[in-house]
Structures are given as C-alpha cells and as structure tokens.
mmCIF file of all heavy atoms, coordinates in Angstrom:
data_MODEL
# 
_entry.id   MODEL 
# 
loop_
_atom_site.group_PDB 
_atom_site.id 
_atom_site.type_symbol 
_atom_site.label_atom_id 
_atom_site.label_alt_id 
_atom_site.label_comp_id 
_atom_site.label_asym_id 
_atom_site.label_entity_id 
_atom_site.label_seq_id 
_atom_site.pdbx_PDB_ins_code 
_atom_site.Cartn_x 
_atom_site.Cartn_y 
_atom_site.Cartn_z 
_atom_site.occupancy 
_atom_site.B_iso_or_equiv 
_atom_site.pdbx_formal_charge 
_atom_site.auth_seq_id 
_atom_site.auth_comp_id 
_atom_site.auth_asym_id 
_atom_site.auth_atom_id 
_atom_site.pdbx_PDB_model_num 
ATOM 1   N N   . CYS A 1 1  ? -55.996 -26.357 -45.180 1.00 0.00 ? 1  CYS A N   1 
ATOM 2   C CA  . CYS A 1 1  ? -54.893 -25.632 -44.514 1.00 0.00 ? 1  CYS A CA  1 
ATOM 3   C C   . CYS A 1 1  ? -54.091 -26.616 -43.708 1.00 0.00 ? 1  CYS A C   1 
ATOM 4   O O   . CYS A 1 1  ? -54.619 -27.208 -42.760 1.00 0.00 ? 1  CYS A O   1 
ATOM 5   C CB  . CYS A 1 1  ? -55.433 -24.498 -43.673 1.00 0.00 ? 1  CYS A CB  1 
ATOM 6   S SG  . CYS A 1 1  ? -54.139 -23.512 -42.853 1.00 0.00 ? 1  CYS A SG  1 
ATOM 7   N N   . VAL A 1 2  ? -52.835 -26.778 -44.072 1.00 0.00 ? 2  VAL A N   1 
ATOM 8   C CA  . VAL A 1 2  ? -51.942 -27.676 -43.344 1.00 0.00 ? 2  VAL A CA  1 
ATOM 9   C C   . VAL A 1 2  ? -51.059 -26.871 -42.403 1.00 0.00 ? 2  VAL A C   1 
ATOM 10  O O   . VAL A 1 2  ? -50.482 -25.854 -42.775 1.00 0.00 ? 2  VAL A O   1 
ATOM 11  C CB  . VAL A 1 2  ? -51.049 -28.473 -44.334 1.00 0.00 ? 2  VAL A CB  1 
ATOM 12  C CG1 . VAL A 1 2  ? -50.091 -29.411 -43.572 1.00 0.00 ? 2  VAL A CG1 1 
ATOM 13  C CG2 . VAL A 1 2  ? -51.919 -29.265 -45.297 1.00 0.00 ? 2  VAL A CG2 1 
ATOM 14  N N   . VAL A 1 3  ? -51.023 -27.356 -41.180 1.00 0.00 ? 3  VAL A N   1 
ATOM 15  C CA  . VAL A 1 3  ? -50.246 -26.678 -40.149 1.00 0.00 ? 3  VAL A CA  1 
ATOM 16  C C   . VAL A 1 3  ? -48.986 -27.497 -39.880 1.00 0.00 ? 3  VAL A C   1 
ATOM 17  O O   . VAL A 1 3  ? -49.028 -28.715 -39.755 1.00 0.00 ? 3  VAL A O   1 
ATOM 18  C CB  . VAL A 1 3  ? -51.033 -26.551 -38.834 1.00 0.00 ? 3  VAL A CB  1 
ATOM 19  C CG1 . VAL A 1 3  ? -50.256 -25.748 -37.808 1.00 0.00 ? 3  VAL A CG1 1 
ATOM 20  C CG2 . VAL A 1 3  ? -52.365 -25.862 -39.117 1.00 0.00 ? 3  VAL A CG2 1 
ATOM 21  N N   . SER A 1 4  ? -47.863 -26.827 -39.822 1.00 0.00 ? 4  SER A N   1 
ATOM 22  C CA  . SER A 1 4  ? -46.593 -27.485 -39.556 1.00 0.00 ? 4  SER A CA  1 
ATOM 23  C C   . SER A 1 4  ? -45.834 -26.686 -38.485 1.00 0.00 ? 4  SER A C   1 
ATOM 24  O O   . SER A 1 4  ? -46.162 -25.543 -38.205 1.00 0.00 ? 4  SER A O   1 
ATOM 25  C CB  . SER A 1 4  ? -45.768 -27.662 -40.818 1.00 0.00 ? 4  SER A CB  1 
ATOM 26  O OG  . SER A 1 4  ? -45.457 -26.393 -41.366 1.00 0.00 ? 4  SER A OG  1 
ATOM 27  N N   . GLY A 1 5  ? -44.800 -27.310 -37.965 1.00 0.00 ? 5  GLY A N   1 
ATOM 28  C CA  . GLY A 1 5  ? -44.010 -26.663 -36.890 1.00 0.00 ? 5  GLY A CA  1 
ATOM 29  C C   . GLY A 1 5  ? -44.528 -27.011 -35.524 1.00 0.00 ? 5  GLY A C   1 
ATOM 30  O O   . GLY A 1 5  ? -44.895 -28.141 -35.279 1.00 0.00 ? 5  GLY A O   1 
ATOM 31  N N   . ASP A 1 6  ? -44.584 -26.053 -34.646 1.00 0.00 ? 6  ASP A N   1 
ATOM 32  C CA  . ASP A 1 6  ? -44.994 -26.306 -33.272 1.00 0.00 ? 6  ASP A CA  1 
ATOM 33  C C   . ASP A 1 6  ? -46.529 -26.342 -33.173 1.00 0.00 ? 6  ASP A C   1 
ATOM 34  O O   . ASP A 1 6  ? -47.182 -25.470 -32.600 1.00 0.00 ? 6  ASP A O   1 
ATOM 35  C CB  . ASP A 1 6  ? -44.442 -25.202 -32.342 1.00 0.00 ? 6  ASP A CB  1 
ATOM 36  C CG  . ASP A 1 6  ? -42.954 -25.237 -32.237 1.00 0.00 ? 6  ASP A CG  1 
ATOM 37  O OD1 . ASP A 1 6  ? -42.383 -26.334 -32.407 1.00 0.00 ? 6  ASP A OD1 1 
ATOM 38  O OD2 . ASP A 1 6  ? -42.344 -24.197 -31.991 1.00 0.00 ? 6  ASP A OD2 1 
ATOM 39  N N   . THR A 1 7  ? -47.074 -27.399 -33.717 1.00 0.00 ? 7  THR A N   1 
ATOM 40  C CA  . THR A 1 7  ? -48.537 -27.507 -33.774 1.00 0.00 ? 7  THR A CA  1 
ATOM 41  C C   . THR A 1 7  ? -49.163 -27.630 -32.370 1.00 0.00 ? 7  THR A C   1 
ATOM 42  O O   . THR A 1 7  ? -50.328 -27.321 -32.164 1.00 0.00 ? 7  THR A O   1 
ATOM 43  C CB  . THR A 1 7  ? -48.964 -28.710 -34.594 1.00 0.00 ? 7  THR A CB  1 
ATOM 44  O OG1 . THR A 1 7  ? -48.358 -29.889 -34.066 1.00 0.00 ? 7  THR A OG1 1 
ATOM 45  C CG2 . THR A 1 7  ? -48.519 -28.542 -36.056 1.00 0.00 ? 7  THR A CG2 1 
ATOM 46  N N   . TRP A 1 8  ? -48.351 -28.043 -31.381 1.00 0.00 ? 8  TRP A N   1 
ATOM 47  C CA  . TRP A 1 8  ? -48.856 -28.154 -30.006 1.00 0.00 ? 8  TRP A CA  1 
ATOM 48  C C   . TRP A 1 8  ? -49.275 -26.777 -29.458 1.00 0.00 ? 8  TRP A C   1 
ATOM 49  O O   . TRP A 1 8  ? -50.014 -26.672 -28.473 1.00 0.00 ? 8  TRP A O   1 
ATOM 50  C CB  . TRP A 1 8  ? -47.791 -28.736 -29.093 1.00 0.00 ? 8  TRP A CB  1 
ATOM 51  C CG  . TRP A 1 8  ? -46.504 -27.965 -29.132 1.00 0.00 ? 8  TRP A CG  1 
ATOM 52  C CD1 . TRP A 1 8  ? -45.415 -28.207 -29.940 1.00 0.00 ? 8  TRP A CD1 1 
ATOM 53  C CD2 . TRP A 1 8  ? -46.167 -26.797 -28.370 1.00 0.00 ? 8  TRP A CD2 1 
ATOM 54  N NE1 . TRP A 1 8  ? -44.431 -27.278 -29.722 1.00 0.00 ? 8  TRP A NE1 1 
ATOM 55  C CE2 . TRP A 1 8  ? -44.862 -26.399 -28.741 1.00 0.00 ? 8  TRP A CE2 1 
ATOM 56  C CE3 . TRP A 1 8  ? -46.826 -26.051 -27.403 1.00 0.00 ? 8  TRP A CE3 1 
ATOM 57  C CZ2 . TRP A 1 8  ? -44.221 -25.282 -28.182 1.00 0.00 ? 8  TRP A CZ2 1 
ATOM 58  C CZ3 . TRP A 1 8  ? -46.216 -24.974 -26.850 1.00 0.00 ? 8  TRP A CZ3 1 
ATOM 59  C CH2 . TRP A 1 8  ? -44.932 -24.579 -27.245 1.00 0.00 ? 8  TRP A CH2 1 
ATOM 60  N N   . ASP A 1 9  ? -48.768 -25.737 -30.119 1.00 0.00 ? 9  ASP A N   1 
ATOM 61  C CA  . ASP A 1 9  ? -49.003 -24.380 -29.627 1.00 0.00 ? 9  ASP A CA  1 
ATOM 62  C C   . ASP A 1 9  ? -50.331 -23.802 -30.119 1.00 0.00 ? 9  ASP A C   1 
ATOM 63  O O   . ASP A 1 9  ? -50.664 -22.669 -29.870 1.00 0.00 ? 9  ASP A O   1 
ATOM 64  C CB  . ASP A 1 9  ? -47.841 -23.453 -30.098 1.00 0.00 ? 9  ASP A CB  1 
ATOM 65  C CG  . ASP A 1 9  ? -47.821 -22.175 -29.336 1.00 0.00 ? 9  ASP A CG  1 
ATOM 66  O OD1 . ASP A 1 9  ? -48.160 -22.167 -28.123 1.00 0.00 ? 9  ASP A OD1 1 
ATOM 67  O OD2 . ASP A 1 9  ? -47.503 -21.111 -29.963 1.00 0.00 ? 9  ASP A OD2 1 
ATOM 68  N N   . THR A 1 10 ? -51.077 -24.587 -30.878 1.00 0.00 ? 10 THR A N   1 
ATOM 69  C CA  . THR A 1 10 ? -52.349 -24.123 -31.397 1.00 0.00 ? 10 THR A CA  1 
ATOM 70  C C   . THR A 1 10 ? -53.487 -24.962 -30.818 1.00 0.00 ? 10 THR A C   1 
ATOM 71  O O   . THR A 1 10 ? -53.322 -26.109 -30.577 1.00 0.00 ? 10 THR A O   1 
ATOM 72  C CB  . THR A 1 10 ? -52.351 -24.194 -32.935 1.00 0.00 ? 10 THR A CB  1 
ATOM 73  O OG1 . THR A 1 10 ? -52.192 -25.566 -33.311 1.00 0.00 ? 10 THR A OG1 1 
ATOM 74  C CG2 . THR A 1 10 ? -51.209 -23.379 -33.533 1.00 0.00 ? 10 THR A CG2 1 
ATOM 75  N N   . ASN A 1 11 ? -54.616 -24.326 -30.648 1.00 0.00 ? 11 ASN A N   1 
ATOM 76  C CA  . ASN A 1 11 ? -55.811 -25.027 -30.145 1.00 0.00 ? 11 ASN A CA  1 
ATOM 77  C C   . ASN A 1 11 ? -57.098 -24.630 -30.846 1.00 0.00 ? 11 ASN A C   1 
ATOM 78  O O   . ASN A 1 11 ? -58.178 -25.061 -30.454 1.00 0.00 ? 11 ASN A O   1 
ATOM 79  C CB  . ASN A 1 11 ? -55.921 -24.783 -28.636 1.00 0.00 ? 11 ASN A CB  1 
ATOM 80  C CG  . ASN A 1 11 ? -55.851 -23.350 -28.290 1.00 0.00 ? 11 ASN A CG  1 
ATOM 81  O OD1 . ASN A 1 11 ? -56.688 -22.543 -28.669 1.00 0.00 ? 11 ASN A OD1 1 
ATOM 82  N ND2 . ASN A 1 11 ? -54.798 -22.968 -27.558 1.00 0.00 ? 11 ASN A ND2 1 
ATOM 83  N N   . ALA A 1 12 ? -56.948 -23.798 -31.857 1.00 0.00 ? 12 ALA A N   1 
ATOM 84  C CA  . ALA A 1 12 ? -58.102 -23.409 -32.663 1.00 0.00 ? 12 ALA A CA  1 
ATOM 85  C C   . ALA A 1 12 ? -57.613 -22.877 -33.991 1.00 0.00 ? 12 ALA A C   1 
ATOM 86  O O   . ALA A 1 12 ? -56.474 -22.362 -34.086 1.00 0.00 ? 12 ALA A O   1 
ATOM 87  C CB  . ALA A 1 12 ? -58.935 -22.335 -31.920 1.00 0.00 ? 12 ALA A CB  1 
ATOM 88  N N   . MET A 1 13 ? -58.461 -23.012 -34.975 1.00 0.00 ? 13 MET A N   1 
ATOM 89  C CA  . MET A 1 13 ? -58.124 -22.485 -36.270 1.00 0.00 ? 13 MET A CA  1 
ATOM 90  C C   . MET A 1 13 ? -59.380 -21.883 -36.899 1.00 0.00 ? 13 MET A C   1 
ATOM 91  O O   . MET A 1 13 ? -60.480 -22.205 -36.501 1.00 0.00 ? 13 MET A O   1 
ATOM 92  C CB  . MET A 1 13 ? -57.554 -23.558 -37.210 1.00 0.00 ? 13 MET A CB  1 
ATOM 93  C CG  . MET A 1 13 ? -56.185 -24.013 -36.815 1.00 0.00 ? 13 MET A CG  1 
ATOM 94  S SD  . MET A 1 13 ? -55.417 -25.145 -37.978 1.00 0.00 ? 13 MET A SD  1 
ATOM 95  C CE  . MET A 1 13 ? -55.226 -24.035 -39.366 1.00 0.00 ? 13 MET A CE  1 
ATOM 96  N N   . ALA A 1 14 ? -59.155 -21.000 -37.825 1.00 0.00 ? 14 ALA A N   1 
ATOM 97  C CA  . ALA A 1 14 ? -60.280 -20.316 -38.452 1.00 0.00 ? 14 ALA A CA  1 
ATOM 98  C C   . ALA A 1 14 ? -59.955 -19.981 -39.865 1.00 0.00 ? 14 ALA A C   1 
ATOM 99  O O   . ALA A 1 14 ? -58.781 -19.970 -40.284 1.00 0.00 ? 14 ALA A O   1 
ATOM 100 C CB  . ALA A 1 14 ? -60.642 -19.084 -37.658 1.00 0.00 ? 14 ALA A CB  1 
ATOM 101 N N   . TRP A 1 15 ? -60.985 -19.670 -40.619 1.00 0.00 ? 15 TRP A N   1 
ATOM 102 C CA  . TRP A 1 15 ? -60.869 -19.159 -41.972 1.00 0.00 ? 15 TRP A CA  1 
ATOM 103 C C   . TRP A 1 15 ? -61.449 -17.755 -41.960 1.00 0.00 ? 15 TRP A C   1 
ATOM 104 O O   . TRP A 1 15 ? -62.565 -17.531 -41.448 1.00 0.00 ? 15 TRP A O   1 
ATOM 105 C CB  . TRP A 1 15 ? -61.649 -20.024 -42.948 1.00 0.00 ? 15 TRP A CB  1 
ATOM 106 C CG  . TRP A 1 15 ? -60.983 -21.376 -43.259 1.00 0.00 ? 15 TRP A CG  1 
ATOM 107 C CD1 . TRP A 1 15 ? -61.249 -22.540 -42.611 1.00 0.00 ? 15 TRP A CD1 1 
ATOM 108 C CD2 . TRP A 1 15 ? -59.971 -21.634 -44.209 1.00 0.00 ? 15 TRP A CD2 1 
ATOM 109 N NE1 . TRP A 1 15 ? -60.434 -23.537 -43.145 1.00 0.00 ? 15 TRP A NE1 1 
ATOM 110 C CE2 . TRP A 1 15 ? -59.657 -22.991 -44.114 1.00 0.00 ? 15 TRP A CE2 1 
ATOM 111 C CE3 . TRP A 1 15 ? -59.305 -20.844 -45.139 1.00 0.00 ? 15 TRP A CE3 1 
ATOM 112 C CZ2 . TRP A 1 15 ? -58.725 -23.577 -44.947 1.00 0.00 ? 15 TRP A CZ2 1 
ATOM 113 C CZ3 . TRP A 1 15 ? -58.365 -21.445 -45.968 1.00 0.00 ? 15 TRP A CZ3 1 
ATOM 114 C CH2 . TRP A 1 15 ? -58.071 -22.813 -45.842 1.00 0.00 ? 15 TRP A CH2 1 
ATOM 115 N N   . PHE A 1 16 ? -60.685 -16.879 -42.535 1.00 0.00 ? 16 PHE A N   1 
ATOM 116 C CA  . PHE A 1 16 ? -61.160 -15.530 -42.804 1.00 0.00 ? 16 PHE A CA  1 
ATOM 117 C C   . PHE A 1 16 ? -61.123 -15.329 -44.327 1.00 0.00 ? 16 PHE A C   1 
ATOM 118 O O   . PHE A 1 16 ? -60.495 -16.071 -45.026 1.00 0.00 ? 16 PHE A O   1 
ATOM 119 C CB  . PHE A 1 16 ? -60.232 -14.465 -42.150 1.00 0.00 ? 16 PHE A CB  1 
ATOM 120 C CG  . PHE A 1 16 ? -60.420 -14.331 -40.656 1.00 0.00 ? 16 PHE A CG  1 
ATOM 121 C CD1 . PHE A 1 16 ? -59.951 -15.298 -39.797 1.00 0.00 ? 16 PHE A CD1 1 
ATOM 122 C CD2 . PHE A 1 16 ? -61.067 -13.223 -40.115 1.00 0.00 ? 16 PHE A CD2 1 
ATOM 123 C CE1 . PHE A 1 16 ? -60.103 -15.197 -38.424 1.00 0.00 ? 16 PHE A CE1 1 
ATOM 124 C CE2 . PHE A 1 16 ? -61.219 -13.101 -38.742 1.00 0.00 ? 16 PHE A CE2 1 
ATOM 125 C CZ  . PHE A 1 16 ? -60.740 -14.083 -37.899 1.00 0.00 ? 16 PHE A CZ  1 
ATOM 126 N N   . ARG A 1 17 ? -61.821 -14.315 -44.780 1.00 0.00 ? 17 ARG A N   1 
ATOM 127 C CA  . ARG A 1 17 ? -61.793 -13.992 -46.203 1.00 0.00 ? 17 ARG A CA  1 
ATOM 128 C C   . ARG A 1 17 ? -61.748 -12.476 -46.365 1.00 0.00 ? 17 ARG A C   1 
ATOM 129 O O   . ARG A 1 17 ? -62.197 -11.738 -45.523 1.00 0.00 ? 17 ARG A O   1 
ATOM 130 C CB  . ARG A 1 17 ? -62.974 -14.583 -46.946 1.00 0.00 ? 17 ARG A CB  1 
ATOM 131 C CG  . ARG A 1 17 ? -64.322 -14.019 -46.535 1.00 0.00 ? 17 ARG A CG  1 
ATOM 132 C CD  . ARG A 1 17 ? -65.428 -14.788 -47.248 1.00 0.00 ? 17 ARG A CD  1 
ATOM 133 N NE  . ARG A 1 17 ? -66.774 -14.295 -46.881 1.00 0.00 ? 17 ARG A NE  1 
ATOM 134 C CZ  . ARG A 1 17 ? -67.908 -14.891 -47.225 1.00 0.00 ? 17 ARG A CZ  1 
ATOM 135 N NH1 . ARG A 1 17 ? -67.864 -15.992 -47.980 1.00 0.00 ? 17 ARG A NH1 1 
ATOM 136 N NH2 . ARG A 1 17 ? -69.056 -14.372 -46.863 1.00 0.00 ? 17 ARG A NH2 1 
ATOM 137 N N   . GLN A 1 18 ? -61.177 -12.087 -47.483 1.00 0.00 ? 18 GLN A N   1 
ATOM 138 C CA  . GLN A 1 18 ? -61.068 -10.660 -47.782 1.00 0.00 ? 18 GLN A CA  1 
ATOM 139 C C   . GLN A 1 18 ? -61.332 -10.476 -49.258 1.00 0.00 ? 18 GLN A C   1 
ATOM 140 O O   . GLN A 1 18 ? -60.587 -10.930 -50.132 1.00 0.00 ? 18 GLN A O   1 
ATOM 141 C CB  . GLN A 1 18 ? -59.693 -10.090 -47.392 1.00 0.00 ? 18 GLN A CB  1 
ATOM 142 C CG  . GLN A 1 18 ? -59.634 -8.607  -47.492 1.00 0.00 ? 18 GLN A CG  1 
ATOM 143 C CD  . GLN A 1 18 ? -58.411 -8.040  -46.754 1.00 0.00 ? 18 GLN A CD  1 
ATOM 144 O OE1 . GLN A 1 18 ? -57.464 -8.714  -46.472 1.00 0.00 ? 18 GLN A OE1 1 
ATOM 145 N NE2 . GLN A 1 18 ? -58.466 -6.745  -46.454 1.00 0.00 ? 18 GLN A NE2 1 
ATOM 146 N N   . ALA A 1 19 ? -62.415 -9.733  -49.550 1.00 0.00 ? 19 ALA A N   1 
ATOM 147 C CA  . ALA A 1 19 ? -62.750 -9.377  -50.908 1.00 0.00 ? 19 ALA A CA  1 
ATOM 148 C C   . ALA A 1 19 ? -62.103 -8.020  -51.255 1.00 0.00 ? 19 ALA A C   1 
ATOM 149 O O   . ALA A 1 19 ? -61.804 -7.225  -50.336 1.00 0.00 ? 19 ALA A O   1 
ATOM 150 C CB  . ALA A 1 19 ? -64.272 -9.301  -51.065 1.00 0.00 ? 19 ALA A CB  1 
ATOM 151 N N   . PRO A 1 20 ? -61.931 -7.723  -52.490 1.00 0.00 ? 20 PRO A N   1 
ATOM 152 C CA  . PRO A 1 20 ? -61.291 -6.472  -52.894 1.00 0.00 ? 20 PRO A CA  1 
ATOM 153 C C   . PRO A 1 20 ? -62.052 -5.282  -52.297 1.00 0.00 ? 20 PRO A C   1 
ATOM 154 O O   . PRO A 1 20 ? -63.306 -5.227  -52.435 1.00 0.00 ? 20 PRO A O   1 
ATOM 155 C CB  . PRO A 1 20 ? -61.384 -6.492  -54.430 1.00 0.00 ? 20 PRO A CB  1 
ATOM 156 C CG  . PRO A 1 20 ? -61.377 -7.942  -54.761 1.00 0.00 ? 20 PRO A CG  1 
ATOM 157 C CD  . PRO A 1 20 ? -62.168 -8.603  -53.673 1.00 0.00 ? 20 PRO A CD  1 
ATOM 158 N N   . GLY A 1 21 ? -61.315 -4.384  -51.662 1.00 0.00 ? 21 GLY A N   1 
ATOM 159 C CA  . GLY A 1 21 ? -61.930 -3.187  -51.100 1.00 0.00 ? 21 GLY A CA  1 
ATOM 160 C C   . GLY A 1 21 ? -62.673 -3.367  -49.820 1.00 0.00 ? 21 GLY A C   1 
ATOM 161 O O   . GLY A 1 21 ? -63.284 -2.454  -49.306 1.00 0.00 ? 21 GLY A O   1 
ATOM 162 N N   . LYS A 1 22 ? -62.627 -4.583  -49.285 1.00 0.00 ? 22 LYS A N   1 
ATOM 163 C CA  . LYS A 1 22 ? -63.376 -4.865  -48.034 1.00 0.00 ? 22 LYS A CA  1 
ATOM 164 C C   . LYS A 1 22 ? -62.399 -5.311  -46.935 1.00 0.00 ? 22 LYS A C   1 
ATOM 165 O O   . LYS A 1 22 ? -61.273 -5.735  -47.204 1.00 0.00 ? 22 LYS A O   1 
ATOM 166 C CB  . LYS A 1 22 ? -64.424 -5.928  -48.279 1.00 0.00 ? 22 LYS A CB  1 
ATOM 167 C CG  . LYS A 1 22 ? -65.551 -5.476  -49.209 1.00 0.00 ? 22 LYS A CG  1 
ATOM 168 C CD  . LYS A 1 22 ? -66.649 -6.517  -49.249 1.00 0.00 ? 22 LYS A CD  1 
ATOM 169 C CE  . LYS A 1 22 ? -67.803 -6.036  -50.119 1.00 0.00 ? 22 LYS A CE  1 
ATOM 170 N NZ  . LYS A 1 22 ? -68.936 -7.019  -50.160 1.00 0.00 ? 22 LYS A NZ  1 
ATOM 171 N N   . GLU A 1 23 ? -62.882 -5.242  -45.725 1.00 0.00 ? 23 GLU A N   1 
ATOM 172 C CA  . GLU A 1 23 ? -62.098 -5.664  -44.600 1.00 0.00 ? 23 GLU A CA  1 
ATOM 173 C C   . GLU A 1 23 ? -62.084 -7.226  -44.529 1.00 0.00 ? 23 GLU A C   1 
ATOM 174 O O   . GLU A 1 23 ? -62.991 -7.883  -45.008 1.00 0.00 ? 23 GLU A O   1 
ATOM 175 C CB  . GLU A 1 23 ? -62.652 -5.102  -43.286 1.00 0.00 ? 23 GLU A CB  1 
ATOM 176 C CG  . GLU A 1 23 ? -62.542 -3.572  -43.184 1.00 0.00 ? 23 GLU A CG  1 
ATOM 177 C CD  . GLU A 1 23 ? -62.916 -3.032  -41.834 1.00 0.00 ? 23 GLU A CD  1 
ATOM 178 O OE1 . GLU A 1 23 ? -63.458 -3.831  -41.018 1.00 0.00 ? 23 GLU A OE1 1 
ATOM 179 O OE2 . GLU A 1 23 ? -62.735 -1.861  -41.586 1.00 0.00 ? 23 GLU A OE2 1 
ATOM 180 N N   . ARG A 1 24 ? -61.082 -7.725  -43.824 1.00 0.00 ? 24 ARG A N   1 
ATOM 181 C CA  . ARG A 1 24 ? -61.013 -9.157  -43.609 1.00 0.00 ? 24 ARG A CA  1 
ATOM 182 C C   . ARG A 1 24 ? -62.151 -9.594  -42.687 1.00 0.00 ? 24 ARG A C   1 
ATOM 183 O O   . ARG A 1 24 ? -62.407 -8.983  -41.684 1.00 0.00 ? 24 ARG A O   1 
ATOM 184 C CB  . ARG A 1 24 ? -59.649 -9.534  -43.016 1.00 0.00 ? 24 ARG A CB  1 
ATOM 185 C CG  . ARG A 1 24 ? -59.322 -10.999 -43.057 1.00 0.00 ? 24 ARG A CG  1 
ATOM 186 C CD  . ARG A 1 24 ? -57.886 -11.260 -42.809 1.00 0.00 ? 24 ARG A CD  1 
ATOM 187 N NE  . ARG A 1 24 ? -57.044 -10.713 -43.855 1.00 0.00 ? 24 ARG A NE  1 
ATOM 188 C CZ  . ARG A 1 24 ? -55.757 -10.981 -43.985 1.00 0.00 ? 24 ARG A CZ  1 
ATOM 189 N NH1 . ARG A 1 24 ? -55.124 -11.822 -43.111 1.00 0.00 ? 24 ARG A NH1 1 
ATOM 190 N NH2 . ARG A 1 24 ? -55.024 -10.471 -44.974 1.00 0.00 ? 24 ARG A NH2 1 
# 
C-alpha cells in the first residue's frame, strides 16, 4: 500500500479484509 499526498497527517496504517457476506 503506497501512501501519497499529506503523508505527515498519518501515524498508523492497517490492513482490513472483507470476505463476501461478511463484515470488514
């Protein structure tokens, strides 16, 4: 995952996943 723009405004990142019919 590449972040662009105001990257100074971020201090953490995460991965979520969503399978069909399920919540993220």
